[in-house]
PDB file of N, CA and C in Angstrom:
ATOM      1  N   MET A   1     150.089  89.046 146.909  1.00  0.00           N
ATOM      2  CA  MET A   1     149.476  89.905 147.937  1.00  0.00           C
ATOM      3  C   MET A   1     149.324  89.051 149.116  1.00  0.00           C
ATOM      4  N   ILE A   2     148.952  87.820 149.008  1.00  0.00           N
ATOM      5  CA  ILE A   2     148.783  86.815 150.130  1.00  0.00           C
ATOM      6  C   ILE A   2     150.152  86.707 150.856  1.00  0.00           C
ATOM      7  N   PHE A   3     151.216  86.585 150.124  1.00  0.00           N
ATOM      8  CA  PHE A   3     152.374  86.459 150.905  1.00  0.00           C
ATOM      9  C   PHE A   3     152.714  87.629 151.630  1.00  0.00           C
ATOM     10  N   LEU A   4     152.685  88.739 151.010  1.00  0.00           N
ATOM     11  CA  LEU A   4     153.175  90.012 151.639  1.00  0.00           C
ATOM     12  C   LEU A   4     152.164  90.233 152.740  1.00  0.00           C
ATOM     13  N   GLY A   5     150.803  89.824 152.627  1.00  0.00           N
ATOM     14  CA  GLY A   5     149.961  89.985 153.695  1.00  0.00           C
ATOM     15  C   GLY A   5     150.311  89.303 154.877  1.00  0.00           C
ATOM     16  N   LEU A   6     150.818  88.083 154.641  1.00  0.00           N
ATOM     17  CA  LEU A   6     151.282  87.043 155.846  1.00  0.00           C
ATOM     18  C   LEU A   6     152.433  87.679 156.527  1.00  0.00           C
ATOM     19  N   VAL A   7     153.340  88.205 155.528  1.00  0.00           N
ATOM     20  CA  VAL A   7     154.592  88.790 156.019  1.00  0.00           C
ATOM     21  C   VAL A   7     154.176  89.916 156.852  1.00  0.00           C
ATOM     22  N   ALA A   8     153.216  90.932 156.498  1.00  0.00           N
ATOM     23  CA  ALA A   8     152.877  92.002 157.324  1.00  0.00           C
ATOM     24  C   ALA A   8     152.215  91.576 158.587  1.00  0.00           C
ATOM     25  N   LEU A   9     151.417  90.511 158.631  1.00  0.00           N
ATOM     26  CA  LEU A   9     150.881  90.022 159.885  1.00  0.00           C
ATOM     27  C   LEU A   9     151.987  89.629 160.817  1.00  0.00           C
ATOM     28  N   ALA A  10     153.058  88.901 160.307  1.00  0.00           N
ATOM     29  CA  ALA A  10     154.087  88.479 161.244  1.00  0.00           C
ATOM     30  C   ALA A  10     154.933  89.756 161.744  1.00  0.00           C
ATOM     31  N   PHE A  11     155.180  90.620 160.776  1.00  0.00           N
ATOM     32  CA  PHE A  11     155.853  91.775 161.263  1.00  0.00           C
ATOM     33  C   PHE A  11     155.087  92.551 162.305  1.00  0.00           C
ATOM     34  N   VAL A  12     153.953  92.688 162.207  1.00  0.00           N
ATOM     35  CA  VAL A  12     152.978  93.372 163.133  1.00  0.00           C
ATOM     36  C   VAL A  12     153.053  92.582 164.551  1.00  0.00           C
ATOM     37  N   ALA A  13     152.729  91.349 164.397  1.00  0.00           N
ATOM     38  CA  ALA A  13     152.656  90.566 165.540  1.00  0.00           C
ATOM     39  C   ALA A  13     154.104  90.273 166.428  1.00  0.00           C
ATOM     40  N   PHE A  14     155.109  90.320 165.528  1.00  0.00           N
ATOM     41  CA  PHE A  14     156.417  89.945 166.182  1.00  0.00           C
ATOM     42  C   PHE A  14     157.460  91.017 165.891  1.00  0.00           C
ATOM     43  N   ALA A  15     157.143  92.175 165.858  1.00  0.00           N
ATOM     44  CA  ALA A  15     158.053  93.283 165.471  1.00  0.00           C
ATOM     45  C   ALA A  15     159.159  93.296 166.503  1.00  0.00           C
ATOM     46  N   LYS A  16     158.918  93.349 167.837  1.00  0.00           N
ATOM     47  CA  LYS A  16     160.151  93.434 168.674  1.00  0.00           C
ATOM     48  C   LYS A  16     161.140  92.330 168.568  1.00  0.00           C
ATOM     49  N   PRO A  17     160.631  91.045 168.695  1.00  0.00           N
ATOM     50  CA  PRO A  17     161.563  89.984 168.594  1.00  0.00           C
ATOM     51  C   PRO A  17     162.329  90.030 167.339  1.00  0.00           C
ATOM     52  N   LEU A  18     161.683  90.325 166.221  1.00  0.00           N
ATOM     53  CA  LEU A  18     162.386  90.500 164.940  1.00  0.00           C
ATOM     54  C   LEU A  18     163.450  91.695 164.862  1.00  0.00           C
ATOM     55  N   VAL A  19     163.210  92.762 165.417  1.00  0.00           N
ATOM     56  CA  VAL A  19     164.201  93.832 165.319  1.00  0.00           C
ATOM     57  C   VAL A  19     165.341  93.414 166.565  1.00  0.00           C
ATOM     58  N   SER A  20     165.053  92.691 167.585  1.00  0.00           N
ATOM     59  CA  SER A  20     165.854  92.213 168.565  1.00  0.00           C
ATOM     60  C   SER A  20     166.967  91.298 168.011  1.00  0.00           C
ATOM     61  N   ILE A  21     166.638  90.691 166.855  1.00  0.00           N
ATOM     62  CA  ILE A  21     167.617  89.711 166.171  1.00  0.00           C
ATOM     63  C   ILE A  21     168.773  90.612 165.738  1.00  0.00           C
ATOM     64  N   PHE A  22     168.547  91.976 165.385  1.00  0.00           N
ATOM     65  CA  PHE A  22     169.700  92.772 164.678  1.00  0.00           C
ATOM     66  C   PHE A  22     170.300  93.725 165.603  1.00  0.00           C
ATOM     67  N   THR A  23     169.578  94.028 166.791  1.00  0.00           N
ATOM     68  CA  THR A  23     170.219  94.823 167.746  1.00  0.00           C
ATOM     69  C   THR A  23     169.716  94.624 169.097  1.00  0.00           C
ATOM     70  N   SER A  24     170.587  95.036 170.143  1.00  0.00           N
ATOM     71  CA  SER A  24     170.251  94.808 171.573  1.00  0.00           C
ATOM     72  C   SER A  24     170.007  96.076 172.241  1.00  0.00           C
ATOM     73  N   ASP A  25     170.238  97.202 171.450  1.00  0.00           N
ATOM     74  CA  ASP A  25     170.023  98.557 171.975  1.00  0.00           C
ATOM     75  C   ASP A  25     168.645  98.836 172.414  1.00  0.00           C
ATOM     76  N   PRO A  26     168.416  99.195 173.750  1.00  0.00           N
ATOM     77  CA  PRO A  26     167.131  99.289 174.213  1.00  0.00           C
ATOM     78  C   PRO A  26     166.408 100.606 173.574  1.00  0.00           C
ATOM     79  N   GLN A  27     167.302 101.412 172.899  1.00  0.00           N
ATOM     80  CA  GLN A  27     166.550 102.615 172.462  1.00  0.00           C
ATOM     81  C   GLN A  27     166.140 102.471 170.948  1.00  0.00           C
ATOM     82  N   VAL A  28     166.845 101.475 170.366  1.00  0.00           N
ATOM     83  CA  VAL A  28     166.551 101.205 168.915  1.00  0.00           C
ATOM     84  C   VAL A  28     165.403 100.292 168.728  1.00  0.00           C
ATOM     85  N   ILE A  29     165.335  99.322 169.665  1.00  0.00           N
ATOM     86  CA  ILE A  29     164.191  98.209 169.442  1.00  0.00           C
ATOM     87  C   ILE A  29     162.831  98.723 169.182  1.00  0.00           C
ATOM     88  N   PRO A  30     162.274  99.775 170.328  1.00  0.00           N
ATOM     89  CA  PRO A  30     161.090 100.315 170.075  1.00  0.00           C
ATOM     90  C   PRO A  30     160.847 101.134 168.740  1.00  0.00           C
ATOM     91  N   VAL A  31     161.750 101.721 168.395  1.00  0.00           N
ATOM     92  CA  VAL A  31     161.756 102.566 167.212  1.00  0.00           C
ATOM     93  C   VAL A  31     161.666 101.632 166.122  1.00  0.00           C
ATOM     94  N   GLY A  32     162.648 100.473 165.874  1.00  0.00           N
ATOM     95  CA  GLY A  32     162.553  99.644 164.813  1.00  0.00           C
ATOM     96  C   GLY A  32     161.333  98.852 164.847  1.00  0.00           C
ATOM     97  N   ALA A  33     160.829  98.549 165.972  1.00  0.00           N
ATOM     98  CA  ALA A  33     159.558  97.639 165.939  1.00  0.00           C
ATOM     99  C   ALA A  33     158.265  98.553 165.521  1.00  0.00           C
ATOM    100  N   THR A  34     158.254  99.793 165.935  1.00  0.00           N
ATOM    101  CA  THR A  34     157.269 100.817 165.321  1.00  0.00           C
ATOM    102  C   THR A  34     157.345 100.879 163.813  1.00  0.00           C
ATOM    103  N   ALA A  35     158.714 101.038 163.370  1.00  0.00           N
ATOM    104  CA  ALA A  35     158.922 101.153 161.858  1.00  0.00           C
ATOM    105  C   ALA A  35     158.287  99.994 161.232  1.00  0.00           C
ATOM    106  N   LEU A  36     158.709  98.810 161.683  1.00  0.00           N
ATOM    107  CA  LEU A  36     158.242  97.619 161.095  1.00  0.00           C
ATOM    108  C   LEU A  36     156.797  97.334 161.012  1.00  0.00           C
ATOM    109  N   ARG A  37     156.085  97.821 162.138  1.00  0.00           N
ATOM    110  CA  ARG A  37     154.774  97.631 162.129  1.00  0.00           C
ATOM    111  C   ARG A  37     154.013  98.735 161.267  1.00  0.00           C
ATOM    112  N   ILE A  38     154.496  99.855 161.124  1.00  0.00           N
ATOM    113  CA  ILE A  38     153.737 101.061 160.292  1.00  0.00           C
ATOM    114  C   ILE A  38     153.970 100.859 158.952  1.00  0.00           C
ATOM    115  N   ILE A  39     155.167 100.438 158.515  1.00  0.00           N
ATOM    116  CA  ILE A  39     155.562 100.247 157.124  1.00  0.00           C
ATOM    117  C   ILE A  39     154.749  99.139 156.587  1.00  0.00           C
ATOM    118  N   SER A  40     154.721  98.022 157.371  1.00  0.00           N
ATOM    119  CA  SER A  40     154.083  96.663 156.925  1.00  0.00           C
ATOM    120  C   SER A  40     152.611  96.981 156.622  1.00  0.00           C
ATOM    121  N   TYR A  41     152.071  97.984 157.095  1.00  0.00           N
ATOM    122  CA  TYR A  41     150.613  98.104 156.868  1.00  0.00           C
ATOM    123  C   TYR A  41     150.361  98.391 155.314  1.00  0.00           C
ATOM    124  N   GLY A  42     151.407  98.878 154.593  1.00  0.00           N
ATOM    125  CA  GLY A  42     151.082  99.184 153.230  1.00  0.00           C
ATOM    126  C   GLY A  42     151.574  97.898 152.168  1.00  0.00           C
ATOM    127  N   TYR A  43     151.956  96.705 153.002  1.00  0.00           N
ATOM    128  CA  TYR A  43     152.524  95.802 152.044  1.00  0.00           C
ATOM    129  C   TYR A  43     151.544  95.094 151.010  1.00  0.00           C
ATOM    130  N   VAL A  44     150.381  94.959 151.451  1.00  0.00           N
ATOM    131  CA  VAL A  44     149.425  94.356 150.442  1.00  0.00           C
ATOM    132  C   VAL A  44     149.217  95.190 149.283  1.00  0.00           C
ATOM    133  N   PHE A  45     149.131  96.640 149.455  1.00  0.00           N
ATOM    134  CA  PHE A  45     149.152  97.461 148.445  1.00  0.00           C
ATOM    135  C   PHE A  45     150.345  97.514 147.539  1.00  0.00           C
ATOM    136  N   TYR A  46     151.394  97.371 148.336  1.00  0.00           N
ATOM    137  CA  TYR A  46     152.777  97.304 147.667  1.00  0.00           C
ATOM    138  C   TYR A  46     152.830  96.232 146.801  1.00  0.00           C
ATOM    139  N   ALA A  47     152.482  95.135 147.181  1.00  0.00           N
ATOM    140  CA  ALA A  47     152.378  93.729 146.395  1.00  0.00           C
ATOM    141  C   ALA A  47     151.472  93.919 145.143  1.00  0.00           C
ATOM    142  N   TRP A  48     150.371  94.571 145.315  1.00  0.00           N
ATOM    143  CA  TRP A  48     149.510  94.826 144.182  1.00  0.00           C
ATOM    144  C   TRP A  48     150.265  95.592 143.154  1.00  0.00           C
ATOM    145  N   GLY A  49     150.535  96.664 143.638  1.00  0.00           N
ATOM    146  CA  GLY A  49     151.475  97.698 142.707  1.00  0.00           C
ATOM    147  C   GLY A  49     152.567  97.031 142.122  1.00  0.00           C
ATOM    148  N   MET A  50     153.346  96.170 142.916  1.00  0.00           N
ATOM    149  CA  MET A  50     154.487  95.592 142.168  1.00  0.00           C
ATOM    150  C   MET A  50     154.090  94.761 141.051  1.00  0.00           C
ATOM    151  N   VAL A  51     153.021  93.950 141.239  1.00  0.00           N
ATOM    152  CA  VAL A  51     152.640  93.275 140.048  1.00  0.00           C
ATOM    153  C   VAL A  51     152.132  94.071 138.789  1.00  0.00           C
ATOM    154  N   ILE A  52     151.357  95.064 139.102  1.00  0.00           N
ATOM    155  CA  ILE A  52     150.970  95.945 137.920  1.00  0.00           C
ATOM    156  C   ILE A  52     152.287  96.552 137.317  1.00  0.00           C
ATOM    157  N   VAL A  53     153.185  97.056 138.125  1.00  0.00           N
ATOM    158  CA  VAL A  53     154.231  97.776 137.405  1.00  0.00           C
ATOM    159  C   VAL A  53     155.147  96.751 136.626  1.00  0.00           C
ATOM    160  N   GLN A  54     155.279  95.414 137.165  1.00  0.00           N
ATOM    161  CA  GLN A  54     155.966  94.567 136.392  1.00  0.00           C
ATOM    162  C   GLN A  54     155.114  94.212 135.152  1.00  0.00           C
ATOM    163  N   ALA A  55     153.752  94.260 135.070  1.00  0.00           N
ATOM    164  CA  ALA A  55     152.993  94.025 133.976  1.00  0.00           C
ATOM    165  C   ALA A  55     153.350  95.085 132.839  1.00  0.00           C
ATOM    166  N   PHE A  56     153.558  96.285 133.314  1.00  0.00           N
ATOM    167  CA  PHE A  56     154.022  97.400 132.303  1.00  0.00           C
ATOM    168  C   PHE A  56     155.383  97.124 131.788  1.00  0.00           C
ATOM    169  N   ASN A  57     156.161  96.704 132.640  1.00  0.00           N
ATOM    170  CA  ASN A  57     157.558  96.257 132.038  1.00  0.00           C
ATOM    171  C   ASN A  57     157.524  95.192 131.189  1.00  0.00           C
ATOM    172  N   GLY A  58     156.669  94.064 131.417  1.00  0.00           N
ATOM    173  CA  GLY A  58     156.670  92.903 130.655  1.00  0.00           C
ATOM    174  C   GLY A  58     155.926  93.308 129.223  1.00  0.00           C
ATOM    175  N   ALA A  59     155.210  94.400 129.306  1.00  0.00           N
ATOM    176  CA  ALA A  59     154.506  94.839 127.913  1.00  0.00           C
ATOM    177  C   ALA A  59     155.422  95.900 127.080  1.00  0.00           C
ATOM    178  N   GLY A  60     156.651  96.074 127.820  1.00  0.00           N
ATOM    179  CA  GLY A  60     157.764  96.917 127.111  1.00  0.00           C
ATOM    180  C   GLY A  60     157.487  98.380 127.352  1.00  0.00           C
ATOM    181  N   ASP A  61     156.561  98.675 128.240  1.00  0.00           N
ATOM    182  CA  ASP A  61     156.340 100.123 128.754  1.00  0.00           C
ATOM    183  C   ASP A  61     157.192 100.368 129.921  1.00  0.00           C
ATOM    184  N   THR A  62     158.469 100.861 129.901  1.00  0.00           N
ATOM    185  CA  THR A  62     159.327 101.145 130.911  1.00  0.00           C
ATOM    186  C   THR A  62     159.184 102.630 131.463  1.00  0.00           C
ATOM    187  N   ASN A  63     158.570 103.318 130.677  1.00  0.00           N
ATOM    188  CA  ASN A  63     158.426 104.722 131.047  1.00  0.00           C
ATOM    189  C   ASN A  63     157.401 105.009 132.152  1.00  0.00           C
ATOM    190  N   THR A  64     156.171 104.160 131.962  1.00  0.00           N
ATOM    191  CA  THR A  64     155.240 104.319 133.101  1.00  0.00           C
ATOM    192  C   THR A  64     155.776 103.977 134.493  1.00  0.00           C
ATOM    193  N   PRO A  65     156.407 102.898 134.708  1.00  0.00           N
ATOM    194  CA  PRO A  65     156.924 102.456 135.968  1.00  0.00           C
ATOM    195  C   PRO A  65     157.856 103.469 136.611  1.00  0.00           C
ATOM    196  N   THR A  66     158.557 103.982 135.657  1.00  0.00           N
ATOM    197  CA  THR A  66     159.755 105.135 136.074  1.00  0.00           C
ATOM    198  C   THR A  66     158.988 106.282 136.541  1.00  0.00           C
ATOM    199  N   LEU A  67     157.861 106.691 135.823  1.00  0.00           N
ATOM    200  CA  LEU A  67     157.134 107.841 136.266  1.00  0.00           C
ATOM    201  C   LEU A  67     156.384 107.733 137.497  1.00  0.00           C
ATOM    202  N   ILE A  68     155.804 106.464 137.681  1.00  0.00           N
ATOM    203  CA  ILE A  68     155.100 106.119 138.932  1.00  0.00           C
ATOM    204  C   ILE A  68     155.985 106.208 140.223  1.00  0.00           C
ATOM    205  N   SER A  69     157.325 105.665 140.028  1.00  0.00           N
ATOM    206  CA  SER A  69     158.213 105.685 140.969  1.00  0.00           C
ATOM    207  C   SER A  69     158.691 107.119 141.367  1.00  0.00           C
ATOM    208  N   ILE A  70     158.858 107.907 140.412  1.00  0.00           N
ATOM    209  CA  ILE A  70     159.288 109.326 140.752  1.00  0.00           C
ATOM    210  C   ILE A  70     158.127 110.014 141.281  1.00  0.00           C
ATOM    211  N   ALA A  71     157.008 109.860 140.862  1.00  0.00           N
ATOM    212  CA  ALA A  71     155.858 110.579 141.471  1.00  0.00           C
ATOM    213  C   ALA A  71     155.700 110.017 142.769  1.00  0.00           C
ATOM    214  N   GLY A  72     155.567 108.707 143.110  1.00  0.00           N
ATOM    215  CA  GLY A  72     155.319 108.259 144.409  1.00  0.00           C
ATOM    216  C   GLY A  72     156.443 108.498 145.507  1.00  0.00           C
ATOM    217  N   ASN A  73     157.641 108.558 144.921  1.00  0.00           N
ATOM    218  CA  ASN A  73     158.895 108.878 145.945  1.00  0.00           C
ATOM    219  C   ASN A  73     159.079 110.347 146.001  1.00  0.00           C
ATOM    220  N   TRP A  74     159.365 110.985 145.094  1.00  0.00           N
ATOM    221  CA  TRP A  74     159.763 112.401 144.894  1.00  0.00           C
ATOM    222  C   TRP A  74     158.594 113.386 145.255  1.00  0.00           C
ATOM    223  N   VAL A  75     157.452 113.067 144.669  1.00  0.00           N
ATOM    224  CA  VAL A  75     156.175 113.936 144.888  1.00  0.00           C
ATOM    225  C   VAL A  75     155.323 113.705 146.180  1.00  0.00           C
ATOM    226  N   VAL A  76     155.349 112.565 146.439  1.00  0.00           N
ATOM    227  CA  VAL A  76     154.495 112.057 147.551  1.00  0.00           C
ATOM    228  C   VAL A  76     155.328 111.757 148.838  1.00  0.00           C
ATOM    229  N   CYS A  77     155.986 110.624 148.887  1.00  0.00           N
ATOM    230  CA  CYS A  77     156.718 110.116 150.059  1.00  0.00           C
ATOM    231  C   CYS A  77     157.526 111.142 150.598  1.00  0.00           C
ATOM    232  N   PHE A  78     158.573 111.640 149.968  1.00  0.00           N
ATOM    233  CA  PHE A  78     159.749 112.527 150.615  1.00  0.00           C
ATOM    234  C   PHE A  78     159.012 113.704 151.106  1.00  0.00           C
ATOM    235  N   PRO A  79     158.102 114.371 150.509  1.00  0.00           N
ATOM    236  CA  PRO A  79     157.475 115.714 151.000  1.00  0.00           C
ATOM    237  C   PRO A  79     156.515 115.284 152.144  1.00  0.00           C
ATOM    238  N   LEU A  80     155.860 114.370 151.935  1.00  0.00           N
ATOM    239  CA  LEU A  80     154.866 113.810 153.035  1.00  0.00           C
ATOM    240  C   LEU A  80     155.624 113.484 154.397  1.00  0.00           C
ATOM    241  N   ALA A  81     156.813 112.793 154.108  1.00  0.00           N
ATOM    242  CA  ALA A  81     157.608 112.470 155.282  1.00  0.00           C
ATOM    243  C   ALA A  81     157.977 113.550 156.157  1.00  0.00           C
ATOM    244  N   TRP A  82     158.370 114.720 155.342  1.00  0.00           N
ATOM    245  CA  TRP A  82     158.764 115.943 156.000  1.00  0.00           C
ATOM    246  C   TRP A  82     157.787 116.529 156.756  1.00  0.00           C
ATOM    247  N   PHE A  83     156.505 116.570 155.961  1.00  0.00           N
ATOM    248  CA  PHE A  83     155.349 117.325 156.573  1.00  0.00           C
ATOM    249  C   PHE A  83     154.818 116.578 157.788  1.00  0.00           C
ATOM    250  N   LEU A  84     154.771 115.166 157.787  1.00  0.00           N
ATOM    251  CA  LEU A  84     154.246 114.403 159.078  1.00  0.00           C
ATOM    252  C   LEU A  84     155.164 114.480 160.069  1.00  0.00           C
ATOM    253  N   ALA A  85     156.624 114.481 159.819  1.00  0.00           N
ATOM    254  CA  ALA A  85     157.538 114.447 160.916  1.00  0.00           C
ATOM    255  C   ALA A  85     157.593 115.774 161.583  1.00  0.00           C
ATOM    256  N   PHE A  86     157.774 116.789 160.675  1.00  0.00           N
ATOM    257  CA  PHE A  86     158.019 118.039 161.397  1.00  0.00           C
ATOM    258  C   PHE A  86     156.918 119.063 161.604  1.00  0.00           C
ATOM    259  N   LYS A  87     155.965 119.097 160.583  1.00  0.00           N
ATOM    260  CA  LYS A  87     154.832 120.037 160.622  1.00  0.00           C
ATOM    261  C   LYS A  87     153.741 119.458 161.534  1.00  0.00           C
ATOM    262  N   VAL A  88     153.466 118.105 161.339  1.00  0.00           N
ATOM    263  CA  VAL A  88     152.325 117.555 162.037  1.00  0.00           C
ATOM    264  C   VAL A  88     152.902 117.052 163.504  1.00  0.00           C
ATOM    265  N   GLY A  89     154.346 116.895 163.496  1.00  0.00           N
ATOM    266  CA  GLY A  89     154.792 116.617 164.856  1.00  0.00           C
ATOM    267  C   GLY A  89     154.828 115.042 165.055  1.00  0.00           C
ATOM    268  N   LEU A  90     154.691 114.198 164.111  1.00  0.00           N
ATOM    269  CA  LEU A  90     154.859 112.893 164.410  1.00  0.00           C
ATOM    270  C   LEU A  90     156.270 112.354 164.338  1.00  0.00           C
ATOM    271  N   GLY A  91     157.306 113.037 164.129  1.00  0.00           N
ATOM    272  CA  GLY A  91     158.627 112.600 164.254  1.00  0.00           C
ATOM    273  C   GLY A  91     158.945 111.327 163.281  1.00  0.00           C
ATOM    274  N   PRO A  92     159.691 110.420 163.733  1.00  0.00           N
ATOM    275  CA  PRO A  92     159.817 109.146 162.888  1.00  0.00           C
ATOM    276  C   PRO A  92     158.725 108.363 162.444  1.00  0.00           C
ATOM    277  N   ASP A  93     157.738 108.330 163.289  1.00  0.00           N
ATOM    278  CA  ASP A  93     156.436 107.775 162.971  1.00  0.00           C
ATOM    279  C   ASP A  93     155.857 108.274 161.620  1.00  0.00           C
ATOM    280  N   GLY A  94     155.990 109.466 161.597  1.00  0.00           N
ATOM    281  CA  GLY A  94     155.589 110.327 160.174  1.00  0.00           C
ATOM    282  C   GLY A  94     156.180 109.935 159.024  1.00  0.00           C
ATOM    283  N   VAL A  95     157.533 109.655 159.269  1.00  0.00           N
ATOM    284  CA  VAL A  95     158.343 109.098 158.165  1.00  0.00           C
ATOM    285  C   VAL A  95     157.910 107.671 157.732  1.00  0.00           C
ATOM    286  N   PHE A  96     157.752 106.860 158.812  1.00  0.00           N
ATOM    287  CA  PHE A  96     157.316 105.426 158.527  1.00  0.00           C
ATOM    288  C   PHE A  96     155.957 105.393 157.934  1.00  0.00           C
ATOM    289  N   LEU A  97     155.102 106.334 158.257  1.00  0.00           N
ATOM    290  CA  LEU A  97     153.727 106.407 157.792  1.00  0.00           C
ATOM    291  C   LEU A  97     153.678 106.854 156.395  1.00  0.00           C
ATOM    292  N   SER A  98     154.544 107.824 155.941  1.00  0.00           N
ATOM    293  CA  SER A  98     154.713 108.174 154.586  1.00  0.00           C
ATOM    294  C   SER A  98     155.098 107.170 153.693  1.00  0.00           C
ATOM    295  N   ILE A  99     155.906 106.195 154.105  1.00  0.00           N
ATOM    296  CA  ILE A  99     156.423 105.035 153.151  1.00  0.00           C
ATOM    297  C   ILE A  99     155.084 104.232 152.935  1.00  0.00           C
ATOM    298  N   ALA A 100     154.344 103.940 153.976  1.00  0.00           N
ATOM    299  CA  ALA A 100     153.173 103.054 153.730  1.00  0.00           C
ATOM    300  C   ALA A 100     152.140 103.882 152.689  1.00  0.00           C
ATOM    301  N   ILE A 101     151.876 105.117 153.083  1.00  0.00           N
ATOM    302  CA  ILE A 101     151.085 105.840 152.230  1.00  0.00           C
ATOM    303  C   ILE A 101     151.431 105.968 150.869  1.00  0.00           C
ATOM    304  N   ALA A 102     152.789 106.064 150.587  1.00  0.00           N
ATOM    305  CA  ALA A 102     153.306 106.406 149.252  1.00  0.00           C
ATOM    306  C   ALA A 102     153.135 105.132 148.532  1.00  0.00           C
ATOM    307  N   ALA A 103     153.517 103.853 149.217  1.00  0.00           N
ATOM    308  CA  ALA A 103     153.460 102.592 148.493  1.00  0.00           C
ATOM    309  C   ALA A 103     151.904 102.341 147.982  1.00  0.00           C
ATOM    310  N   SER A 104     151.091 102.721 149.025  1.00  0.00           N
ATOM    311  CA  SER A 104     149.642 102.437 148.696  1.00  0.00           C
ATOM    312  C   SER A 104     149.229 103.394 147.444  1.00  0.00           C
ATOM    313  N   MET A 105     149.680 104.579 147.506  1.00  0.00           N
ATOM    314  CA  MET A 105     149.299 105.603 146.302  1.00  0.00           C
ATOM    315  C   MET A 105     149.901 105.154 145.079  1.00  0.00           C
ATOM    316  N   MET A 106     151.128 104.525 145.130  1.00  0.00           N
ATOM    317  CA  MET A 106     151.763 104.133 143.846  1.00  0.00           C
ATOM    318  C   MET A 106     151.078 102.809 143.249  1.00  0.00           C
ATOM    319  N   ALA A 107     150.564 102.102 144.129  1.00  0.00           N
ATOM    320  CA  ALA A 107     149.777 100.959 143.748  1.00  0.00           C
ATOM    321  C   ALA A 107     148.511 101.477 143.028  1.00  0.00           C
ATOM    322  N   VAL A 108     147.725 102.499 143.534  1.00  0.00           N
ATOM    323  CA  VAL A 108     146.510 103.049 143.034  1.00  0.00           C
ATOM    324  C   VAL A 108     146.834 103.680 141.629  1.00  0.00           C
ATOM    325  N   MET A 109     147.956 104.401 141.620  1.00  0.00           N
ATOM    326  CA  MET A 109     148.312 105.066 140.375  1.00  0.00           C
ATOM    327  C   MET A 109     148.619 104.114 139.264  1.00  0.00           C
ATOM    328  N   ALA A 110     149.196 102.865 139.753  1.00  0.00           N
ATOM    329  CA  ALA A 110     149.556 101.945 138.712  1.00  0.00           C
ATOM    330  C   ALA A 110     148.342 101.398 138.123  1.00  0.00           C
ATOM    331  N   ILE A 111     147.457 100.988 139.113  1.00  0.00           N
ATOM    332  CA  ILE A 111     146.117 100.231 138.659  1.00  0.00           C
ATOM    333  C   ILE A 111     145.436 101.209 137.691  1.00  0.00           C
ATOM    334  N   LEU A 112     145.447 102.465 138.173  1.00  0.00           N
ATOM    335  CA  LEU A 112     144.483 103.318 137.211  1.00  0.00           C
ATOM    336  C   LEU A 112     145.285 103.501 135.754  1.00  0.00           C
ATOM    337  N   LEU A 113     146.508 103.630 135.886  1.00  0.00           N
ATOM    338  CA  LEU A 113     147.230 103.692 134.493  1.00  0.00           C
ATOM    339  C   LEU A 113     147.017 102.480 133.633  1.00  0.00           C
ATOM    340  N   PHE A 114     147.242 101.309 134.424  1.00  0.00           N
ATOM    341  CA  PHE A 114     146.996  99.999 133.763  1.00  0.00           C
ATOM    342  C   PHE A 114     145.802  99.863 133.082  1.00  0.00           C
ATOM    343  N   ARG A 115     144.599 100.349 133.802  1.00  0.00           N
ATOM    344  CA  ARG A 115     143.215 100.308 133.239  1.00  0.00           C
ATOM    345  C   ARG A 115     142.840 101.138 132.018  1.00  0.00           C
ATOM    346  N   ARG A 116     143.873 102.177 131.890  1.00  0.00           N
ATOM    347  CA  ARG A 116     143.649 103.111 130.643  1.00  0.00           C
ATOM    348  C   ARG A 116     144.122 102.281 129.448  1.00  0.00           C
ATOM    349  N   GLY A 117     144.963 101.330 129.546  1.00  0.00           N
ATOM    350  CA  GLY A 117     145.376 100.478 128.380  1.00  0.00           C
ATOM    351  C   GLY A 117     146.303 101.044 127.583  1.00  0.00           C
ATOM    352  N   THR A 118     146.956 102.160 127.701  1.00  0.00           N
ATOM    353  CA  THR A 118     147.921 102.672 126.818  1.00  0.00           C
ATOM    354  C   THR A 118     149.152 101.717 126.784  1.00  0.00           C
ATOM    355  N   TRP A 119     149.332 100.883 127.590  1.00  0.00           N
ATOM    356  CA  TRP A 119     150.426  99.899 127.455  1.00  0.00           C
ATOM    357  C   TRP A 119     150.295  98.930 126.292  1.00  0.00           C
ATOM    358  N   LYS A 120     149.177  98.595 125.927  1.00  0.00           N
ATOM    359  CA  LYS A 120     148.874  97.878 124.803  1.00  0.00           C
ATOM    360  C   LYS A 120     149.346  98.301 123.364  1.00  0.00           C
ATOM    361  N   GLN A 121     149.675  99.627 123.295  1.00  0.00           N
ATOM    362  CA  GLN A 121     150.280 100.207 122.074  1.00  0.00           C
ATOM    363  C   GLN A 121     151.688 100.100 122.172  1.00  0.00           C
ATOM    364  N   GLN A 122     152.474  99.620 123.132  1.00  0.00           N
ATOM    365  CA  GLN A 122     153.879  99.556 122.978  1.00  0.00           C
ATOM    366  C   GLN A 122     154.300  98.590 122.006  1.00  0.00           C
ATOM    367  N   ARG A 123     155.440  99.073 121.280  1.00  0.00           N
ATOM    368  CA  ARG A 123     156.153  98.251 120.417  1.00  0.00           C
ATOM    369  C   ARG A 123     157.475  97.704 121.009  1.00  0.00           C
ATOM    370  N   VAL A 124     157.614  96.359 120.894  1.00  0.00           N
ATOM    371  CA  VAL A 124     158.831  95.911 121.509  1.00  0.00           C
ATOM    372  C   VAL A 124     159.734  95.525 120.320  1.00  0.00           C
TER     373      VAL A 124
END
């Protein structure tokens, strides 16, 4: 979490120069910088969720991480991206925001499911 938190700070602070490494297109740089900034707001939650999901995998429970991923992406992220982009009118920023929100929600789901303790009954 500390590492991805530091990466997020660097991405927020130096988004335009970082995007400029990959393109010189003046129309792409601001969109890419915005994407980098918005998505990196979810990095700390993403790191926390990643650790918890790997704990499930390590315990032999591979179904729970799969369900978290399906729910987070297909039920939350994709519909939310469409809603924020088109219905709310945020355009690409809505898509970027949905990624950060979904990553945070998947972390919360993983933590809540981990606390239930059903992973302790897995047989390897």
